[in-house]
């Protein structure tokens, strides 16, 4: 009988943990969707020719 109770307790704990994980994942996904789109940073010299004299 006690082994059945322990198994039930494990099952309930796993169910609660799974529900919390799903809620946190959904919340994080919603937060990421709501973030403003990041603008591409313009690099000061990337893609241009630089003249270097040594």
N, C-alpha and C. Protein backbone atom coordinates (compact mmCIF):
# COMPACT_ATOMS: atom_id res chain seq x y z
N UNK A 1 0.82 -1.20 0.00
CA UNK A 1 0.00 0.00 0.00
C UNK A 1 0.87 1.27 0.00
N UNK A 2 1.90 1.30 0.82
CA UNK A 2 2.74 2.49 0.90
C UNK A 2 3.50 2.71 -0.40
N UNK A 3 3.87 1.63 -1.09
CA UNK A 3 4.55 1.80 -2.38
C UNK A 3 3.62 2.41 -3.41
N UNK A 4 2.33 2.09 -3.33
CA UNK A 4 1.36 2.69 -4.24
C UNK A 4 1.19 4.18 -3.95
N UNK A 5 1.20 4.53 -2.69
CA UNK A 5 1.07 5.95 -2.30
C UNK A 5 2.31 6.72 -2.77
N UNK A 6 3.49 6.13 -2.60
CA UNK A 6 4.71 6.79 -3.06
C UNK A 6 4.70 6.96 -4.57
N UNK A 7 4.22 5.96 -5.29
CA UNK A 7 4.14 6.05 -6.75
C UNK A 7 3.15 7.13 -7.17
N UNK A 8 2.03 7.22 -6.47
CA UNK A 8 1.03 8.25 -6.76
C UNK A 8 1.62 9.64 -6.48
N UNK A 9 2.37 9.76 -5.38
CA UNK A 9 2.99 11.03 -5.04
C UNK A 9 3.99 11.44 -6.13
N UNK A 10 4.79 10.51 -6.62
CA UNK A 10 5.73 10.81 -7.70
C UNK A 10 5.00 11.26 -8.95
N UNK A 11 3.90 10.57 -9.27
CA UNK A 11 3.12 10.91 -10.46
C UNK A 11 2.53 12.31 -10.35
N UNK A 12 2.00 12.64 -9.19
CA UNK A 12 1.42 13.98 -8.98
C UNK A 12 2.51 15.04 -9.06
N UNK A 13 3.67 14.78 -8.45
CA UNK A 13 4.77 15.75 -8.50
C UNK A 13 5.23 15.98 -9.94
N UNK A 14 5.33 14.90 -10.71
CA UNK A 14 5.75 15.04 -12.10
C UNK A 14 4.71 15.81 -12.90
N UNK A 15 3.46 15.57 -12.62
CA UNK A 15 2.39 16.28 -13.32
C UNK A 15 2.43 17.77 -13.00
N UNK A 16 2.64 18.11 -11.74
CA UNK A 16 2.72 19.52 -11.34
C UNK A 16 3.95 20.18 -11.98
N UNK A 17 5.07 19.48 -11.97
CA UNK A 17 6.29 20.03 -12.57
C UNK A 17 6.12 20.22 -14.07
N UNK A 18 5.47 19.27 -14.74
CA UNK A 18 5.24 19.39 -16.18
C UNK A 18 4.33 20.58 -16.49
N UNK A 19 3.30 20.76 -15.68
CA UNK A 19 2.40 21.90 -15.88
C UNK A 19 3.13 23.22 -15.69
N UNK A 20 3.97 23.30 -14.66
CA UNK A 20 4.72 24.52 -14.41
C UNK A 20 5.70 24.80 -15.54
N UNK A 21 6.35 23.76 -16.04
CA UNK A 21 7.29 23.92 -17.14
C UNK A 21 6.56 24.41 -18.40
N UNK A 22 5.41 23.84 -18.68
CA UNK A 22 4.64 24.27 -19.85
C UNK A 22 4.21 25.73 -19.72
N UNK A 23 3.80 26.13 -18.53
CA UNK A 23 3.38 27.51 -18.30
C UNK A 23 4.56 28.46 -18.48
N UNK A 24 5.72 28.09 -17.92
CA UNK A 24 6.90 28.94 -18.05
C UNK A 24 7.36 29.05 -19.49
N UNK A 25 7.28 27.94 -20.23
CA UNK A 25 7.67 27.96 -21.64
C UNK A 25 6.74 28.86 -22.45
N UNK A 26 5.45 28.74 -22.20
CA UNK A 26 4.48 29.58 -22.92
C UNK A 26 4.69 31.05 -22.59
N UNK A 27 4.96 31.36 -21.33
CA UNK A 27 5.19 32.74 -20.92
C UNK A 27 6.44 33.30 -21.57
N UNK A 28 7.52 32.51 -21.58
CA UNK A 28 8.76 32.97 -22.21
C UNK A 28 8.57 33.19 -23.70
N UNK A 29 7.84 32.31 -24.35
CA UNK A 29 7.57 32.46 -25.78
C UNK A 29 6.79 33.74 -26.05
N UNK A 30 5.78 34.00 -25.23
CA UNK A 30 5.00 35.23 -25.39
C UNK A 30 5.86 36.47 -25.19
N UNK A 31 6.75 36.44 -24.19
CA UNK A 31 7.62 37.58 -23.95
C UNK A 31 8.55 37.82 -25.14
N UNK A 32 9.09 36.74 -25.70
CA UNK A 32 9.98 36.90 -26.85
C UNK A 32 9.23 37.44 -28.07
N UNK A 33 7.99 37.02 -28.26
CA UNK A 33 7.20 37.51 -29.38
C UNK A 33 6.89 39.00 -29.24
N UNK A 34 6.74 39.44 -27.98
CA UNK A 34 6.38 40.84 -27.73
C UNK A 34 7.57 41.79 -27.78
N UNK A 35 8.78 41.27 -27.81
CA UNK A 35 9.95 42.14 -27.89
C UNK A 35 9.96 42.89 -29.22
N UNK A 36 10.37 44.14 -29.19
CA UNK A 36 10.47 44.87 -30.46
C UNK A 36 11.56 44.24 -31.34
N UNK A 37 11.36 44.31 -32.63
CA UNK A 37 12.34 43.75 -33.56
C UNK A 37 13.62 44.56 -33.48
N UNK A 38 14.72 43.87 -33.31
CA UNK A 38 16.01 44.56 -33.18
C UNK A 38 16.50 44.98 -34.56
N UNK A 39 16.94 46.22 -34.64
CA UNK A 39 17.49 46.74 -35.88
C UNK A 39 18.89 46.18 -36.08
N UNK A 40 19.25 45.97 -37.32
CA UNK A 40 20.59 45.50 -37.62
C UNK A 40 21.57 46.64 -37.38
N UNK A 41 22.59 46.35 -36.59
CA UNK A 41 23.59 47.37 -36.29
C UNK A 41 24.44 47.63 -37.52
N UNK A 42 24.67 48.89 -37.81
CA UNK A 42 25.51 49.26 -38.94
C UNK A 42 26.94 49.32 -38.45
N UNK A 43 27.79 48.54 -39.06
CA UNK A 43 29.20 48.49 -38.67
C UNK A 43 29.94 49.65 -39.32
N UNK A 44 30.86 50.25 -38.56
CA UNK A 44 31.51 51.47 -39.02
C UNK A 44 32.38 51.26 -40.26
N UNK A 45 32.99 50.09 -40.43
CA UNK A 45 33.85 49.90 -41.60
C UNK A 45 33.67 48.54 -42.28
N UNK A 46 32.75 47.75 -41.85
CA UNK A 46 32.53 46.45 -42.47
C UNK A 46 32.00 46.63 -43.89
N UNK A 47 32.63 45.98 -44.82
CA UNK A 47 32.20 46.06 -46.22
C UNK A 47 32.80 47.22 -46.98
N UNK A 48 33.62 48.03 -46.33
CA UNK A 48 34.25 49.14 -47.04
C UNK A 48 35.77 48.89 -47.15
N UNK A 49 36.40 49.61 -48.03
CA UNK A 49 37.84 49.46 -48.24
C UNK A 49 38.56 50.43 -47.32
N UNK A 50 39.61 49.92 -46.66
CA UNK A 50 40.41 50.75 -45.78
C UNK A 50 41.83 50.78 -46.32
N UNK A 51 42.39 51.97 -46.47
CA UNK A 51 43.76 52.13 -46.96
C UNK A 51 44.69 52.25 -45.75
N UNK A 52 45.59 51.28 -45.59
CA UNK A 52 46.51 51.28 -44.46
C UNK A 52 47.93 51.38 -44.98
N UNK A 53 48.66 52.38 -44.54
CA UNK A 53 50.05 52.56 -44.93
C UNK A 53 50.95 52.20 -43.75
N UNK A 54 51.99 51.43 -44.07
CA UNK A 54 52.93 51.05 -43.01
C UNK A 54 54.27 51.68 -43.29
